[in-house]
Amino acid sequence: MSPLIRYPGSTVVLPPRLFGSLTYYAVLAQYPAAVIDAATRYNKNTKSVHRYDIVDTSGRLSLTVPVSRPSGATRWCDVAVSGHGRWWEEQPTALESAYGRTPFFEFYIDRLLPLFSAPCADSPEPITALCARADAIIRKILSIDTIVLADVAHLPAGSAVTDLRRDFEARTAAVAAAAAYRQLRPDATPGTLSVLDAIFNLGPEAALLLASLPDAGNNL
């Protein structure tokens, strides 16, 4: 069992996130099992499903993967990645511009580059599938051994459940506020940045940082 796990026998239910925040992964790592619910109800104002924040020379920068919502779609898993704006070319360039001088950028970037590919026009990938592929890479980098389940129908019998699908950022604000680490370009609230910021700046120490953050259950 991971030393980060603080809730044996419990399961956390999370919304999908693309390159989620440091706080997102700190919370995920505290549970032995998690459901990242791709069937979360679609809300066009929930940009964090397909947008993540980094820091470049000008400050915070939001990187967005454009999406296309079919008529009548009500779940995020029915929303497709769009080819608009050639984001798969622009975002790796933005990451290199922001983090190319950080200590661990070159060590990790090759693991992430396969995520940045042109979507298939005939069969576009759901945005939640892209989120899941990115999440699997991030969890491996951070040595998070939380078991991620396919959907809420697979919740372990008798498991205590913490459901954070609604208002995740607001409900975990205390955890985010506690995050602090050395950065090439300091940010006032690094806990709300994409976890990529910590990975590129800290390398293997990013996993140790997760363990140092407050017990999420005291803040939910």
Protein backbone atom coordinates (compact mmCIF):
# COMPACT_ATOMS: atom_id res chain seq x y z
CA MET A 1 0.00 0.00 0.00
CA SER A 2 1.26 3.47 -0.85
CA PRO A 3 2.44 5.52 2.14
CA LEU A 4 0.23 8.34 0.84
CA ILE A 5 -3.00 6.42 1.41
CA ARG A 6 -4.79 7.78 4.46
CA TYR A 7 -8.27 6.27 4.01
CA PRO A 8 -8.09 2.46 3.88
CA GLY A 9 -11.38 0.97 2.71
CA SER A 10 -12.51 4.24 1.16
CA THR A 11 -13.10 5.33 -2.42
CA VAL A 12 -13.00 8.86 -3.82
CA VAL A 13 -15.11 9.82 -6.82
CA LEU A 14 -13.52 12.56 -8.91
CA PRO A 15 -14.43 14.53 -12.02
CA PRO A 16 -12.24 14.02 -15.10
CA ARG A 17 -9.35 16.46 -15.45
CA LEU A 18 -6.77 17.02 -18.17
CA PHE A 19 -3.34 17.27 -16.52
CA GLY A 20 -5.12 17.92 -13.23
CA SER A 21 -3.78 20.16 -10.51
CA LEU A 22 -1.26 19.20 -7.85
CA THR A 23 -4.18 19.24 -5.40
CA TYR A 24 -6.14 16.82 -7.59
CA TYR A 25 -3.33 14.27 -7.39
CA ALA A 26 -2.73 14.89 -3.69
CA VAL A 27 -6.35 13.98 -3.00
CA LEU A 28 -6.31 11.00 -5.39
CA ALA A 29 -3.20 9.59 -3.71
CA GLN A 30 -4.87 9.52 -0.28
CA TYR A 31 -7.37 6.80 -1.25
CA PRO A 32 -6.80 3.14 -2.13
CA ALA A 33 -9.46 3.31 -4.86
CA ALA A 34 -10.90 6.05 -7.02
CA VAL A 35 -13.49 6.50 -9.72
CA ILE A 36 -12.72 9.21 -12.26
CA ASP A 37 -16.23 9.55 -13.58
CA ALA A 38 -16.18 10.04 -17.35
CA ALA A 39 -19.99 10.11 -17.29
CA THR A 40 -20.01 13.31 -15.22
CA ARG A 41 -22.74 15.60 -16.53
CA TYR A 42 -21.53 17.98 -19.22
CA ASN A 43 -21.25 21.62 -18.22
CA LYS A 44 -19.68 24.03 -20.69
CA ASN A 45 -18.44 26.17 -17.79
CA THR A 46 -16.33 23.32 -16.39
CA LYS A 47 -13.28 24.19 -18.47
CA SER A 48 -10.86 22.17 -16.31
CA VAL A 49 -11.98 18.97 -18.05
CA HIS A 50 -10.07 20.12 -21.13
CA ARG A 51 -7.96 23.04 -19.87
CA TYR A 52 -4.90 23.20 -17.60
CA ASP A 53 -2.79 26.03 -16.22
CA ILE A 54 0.98 26.39 -16.46
CA VAL A 55 3.37 29.29 -15.79
CA ASP A 56 5.49 30.88 -18.51
CA THR A 57 7.55 34.08 -18.66
CA SER A 58 4.38 36.21 -18.63
CA GLY A 59 2.69 34.43 -15.71
CA ARG A 60 -0.20 32.00 -15.75
CA LEU A 61 -1.16 30.53 -19.08
CA SER A 62 -4.21 28.35 -19.74
CA LEU A 63 -3.80 25.65 -22.37
CA THR A 64 -7.04 24.32 -23.83
CA VAL A 65 -7.79 21.27 -25.92
CA PRO A 66 -10.77 22.28 -28.07
CA VAL A 67 -13.80 20.03 -27.88
CA SER A 68 -16.86 19.34 -29.98
CA ARG A 69 -20.15 18.48 -28.31
CA PRO A 70 -22.59 16.48 -30.44
CA SER A 71 -26.18 17.67 -30.36
CA GLY A 72 -27.95 16.27 -27.34
CA ALA A 73 -24.82 15.05 -25.54
CA THR A 74 -25.22 15.35 -21.77
CA ARG A 75 -22.08 13.61 -20.48
CA TRP A 76 -18.43 14.55 -20.79
CA CYS A 77 -17.61 11.11 -22.21
CA ASP A 78 -19.75 12.02 -25.24
CA VAL A 79 -17.77 15.20 -25.94
CA ALA A 80 -15.03 14.72 -28.53
CA VAL A 81 -11.56 16.18 -28.94
CA SER A 82 -11.55 18.71 -31.78
CA GLY A 83 -8.87 19.38 -34.37
CA HIS A 84 -9.49 23.10 -34.17
CA GLY A 85 -6.40 25.29 -33.69
CA ARG A 86 -3.81 22.53 -34.14
CA TRP A 87 -3.45 22.35 -30.37
CA TRP A 88 -1.34 19.18 -30.62
CA GLU A 89 1.44 21.28 -32.19
CA GLU A 90 1.04 24.44 -30.13
CA GLN A 91 0.88 22.92 -26.63
CA PRO A 92 4.19 21.01 -26.69
CA THR A 93 5.82 24.24 -27.87
CA ALA A 94 4.17 26.15 -25.02
CA LEU A 95 5.37 23.55 -22.50
CA GLU A 96 8.92 23.75 -23.79
CA SER A 97 8.86 27.54 -23.69
CA ALA A 98 7.57 27.51 -20.11
CA TYR A 99 9.59 24.60 -18.71
CA GLY A 100 12.49 23.91 -21.05
CA ARG A 101 14.92 25.30 -18.48
CA THR A 102 13.49 23.43 -15.49
CA PRO A 103 15.61 20.61 -14.04
CA PHE A 104 13.39 17.72 -15.15
CA PHE A 105 11.69 18.83 -18.36
CA GLU A 106 13.88 16.76 -20.67
CA PHE A 107 13.54 13.73 -18.41
CA TYR A 108 9.73 13.62 -18.59
CA ILE A 109 8.58 15.34 -21.78
CA ASP A 110 9.06 12.29 -24.01
CA ARG A 111 6.53 10.37 -21.90
CA LEU A 112 3.94 13.06 -22.55
CA LEU A 113 4.46 13.77 -26.25
CA PRO A 114 2.36 10.79 -27.47
CA LEU A 115 -0.67 12.57 -25.98
CA PHE A 116 -0.25 15.42 -28.44
CA SER A 117 -1.39 13.98 -31.73
CA ALA A 118 -3.86 15.10 -34.36
CA PRO A 119 -7.37 13.76 -33.68
CA CYS A 120 -8.88 11.33 -36.14
CA ALA A 121 -11.55 13.20 -38.09
CA ASP A 122 -13.58 10.04 -38.75
CA SER A 123 -13.55 8.78 -35.16
CA PRO A 124 -12.56 11.56 -32.75
CA GLU A 125 -11.44 10.53 -29.27
CA PRO A 126 -13.67 11.48 -26.32
CA ILE A 127 -12.02 14.17 -24.22
CA THR A 128 -12.37 11.90 -21.19
CA ALA A 129 -10.30 9.23 -22.97
CA LEU A 130 -7.52 11.76 -23.50
CA CYS A 131 -7.81 12.74 -19.83
CA ALA A 132 -7.53 9.07 -18.83
CA ARG A 133 -4.43 8.50 -20.95
CA ALA A 134 -2.77 11.56 -19.48
CA ASP A 135 -3.80 10.53 -15.97
CA ALA A 136 -2.24 7.07 -16.33
CA ILE A 137 1.11 8.66 -17.24
CA ILE A 138 0.96 11.16 -14.39
CA ARG A 139 0.09 8.51 -11.79
CA LYS A 140 3.03 6.40 -12.95
CA ILE A 141 5.43 9.36 -12.71
CA LEU A 142 4.19 10.16 -9.20
CA SER A 143 4.18 6.50 -8.07
CA ILE A 144 0.49 6.71 -7.13
CA ASP A 145 -0.84 3.18 -6.76
CA THR A 146 -4.47 4.11 -6.17
CA ILE A 147 -6.67 1.72 -8.14
CA VAL A 148 -8.70 3.71 -10.66
CA LEU A 149 -12.06 2.11 -11.43
CA ALA A 150 -14.02 2.46 -14.66
CA ASP A 151 -17.22 3.93 -13.23
CA VAL A 152 -19.34 4.21 -10.12
CA ALA A 153 -20.94 0.84 -10.88
CA HIS A 154 -17.61 -0.75 -9.92
CA LEU A 155 -17.38 0.74 -6.42
CA PRO A 156 -16.07 -1.83 -3.94
CA ALA A 157 -18.79 -3.35 -1.77
CA GLY A 158 -18.93 -1.68 1.63
CA SER A 159 -16.53 1.07 0.64
CA ALA A 160 -16.98 4.48 2.26
CA VAL A 161 -17.34 6.98 -0.59
CA THR A 162 -16.20 10.60 -0.80
CA ASP A 163 -17.87 12.17 -3.82
CA LEU A 164 -16.00 15.21 -5.15
CA ARG A 165 -17.53 15.43 -8.60
CA ARG A 166 -19.19 18.74 -7.79
CA ASP A 167 -17.16 21.83 -6.89
CA PHE A 168 -13.86 19.96 -6.56
CA GLU A 169 -11.71 23.10 -6.53
CA ALA A 170 -13.81 24.88 -3.90
CA ARG A 171 -13.99 21.84 -1.63
CA THR A 172 -10.24 21.23 -1.72
CA ALA A 173 -9.10 24.84 -1.46
CA ALA A 174 -7.38 24.27 1.90
CA VAL A 175 -5.20 21.54 0.39
CA ALA A 176 -4.34 23.78 -2.56
CA ALA A 177 -3.43 26.67 -0.28
CA ALA A 178 -0.89 24.52 1.60
CA ALA A 179 1.13 23.64 -1.49
CA ALA A 180 4.50 25.36 -1.81
CA TYR A 181 7.63 24.27 -3.65
CA ARG A 182 10.56 25.69 -5.54
CA GLN A 183 9.69 26.85 -9.03
CA LEU A 184 11.66 28.34 -11.88
CA ARG A 185 8.83 30.87 -12.17
CA PRO A 186 7.05 31.22 -8.81
CA ASP A 187 3.28 31.31 -8.70
CA ALA A 188 1.15 32.55 -5.80
CA THR A 189 -1.04 29.41 -5.71
CA PRO A 190 0.97 26.53 -7.18
CA GLY A 191 -1.47 23.97 -5.82
CA THR A 192 -3.96 25.02 -8.49
CA LEU A 193 -1.48 24.75 -11.37
CA SER A 194 -1.30 21.63 -13.48
CA VAL A 195 0.72 18.95 -11.73
CA LEU A 196 3.10 19.22 -14.70
CA ASP A 197 4.56 22.32 -13.06
CA ALA A 198 5.64 20.34 -9.99
CA ILE A 199 6.86 17.40 -12.07
CA PHE A 200 9.08 19.54 -14.29
CA ASN A 201 10.40 21.60 -11.38
CA LEU A 202 10.84 18.85 -8.78
CA GLY A 203 11.12 15.54 -10.59
CA PRO A 204 10.94 12.60 -8.14
CA GLU A 205 10.46 15.03 -5.24
CA ALA A 206 6.98 15.83 -6.59
CA ALA A 207 5.77 12.52 -5.13
CA LEU A 208 7.18 13.50 -1.74
CA LEU A 209 5.39 16.85 -1.98
CA LEU A 210 2.06 15.07 -2.35
CA ALA A 211 2.68 13.25 0.92
CA SER A 212 3.40 16.53 2.72
CA LEU A 213 0.09 18.16 1.85
CA PRO A 214 -2.75 18.22 4.41
CA ASP A 215 -5.07 15.32 5.00
CA ALA A 216 -7.82 15.98 2.47
CA GLY A 217 -10.50 14.43 4.65
CA ASN A 218 -10.08 17.19 7.23
CA ASN A 219 -11.05 19.75 4.62
CA LEU A 220 -13.95 18.13 2.76
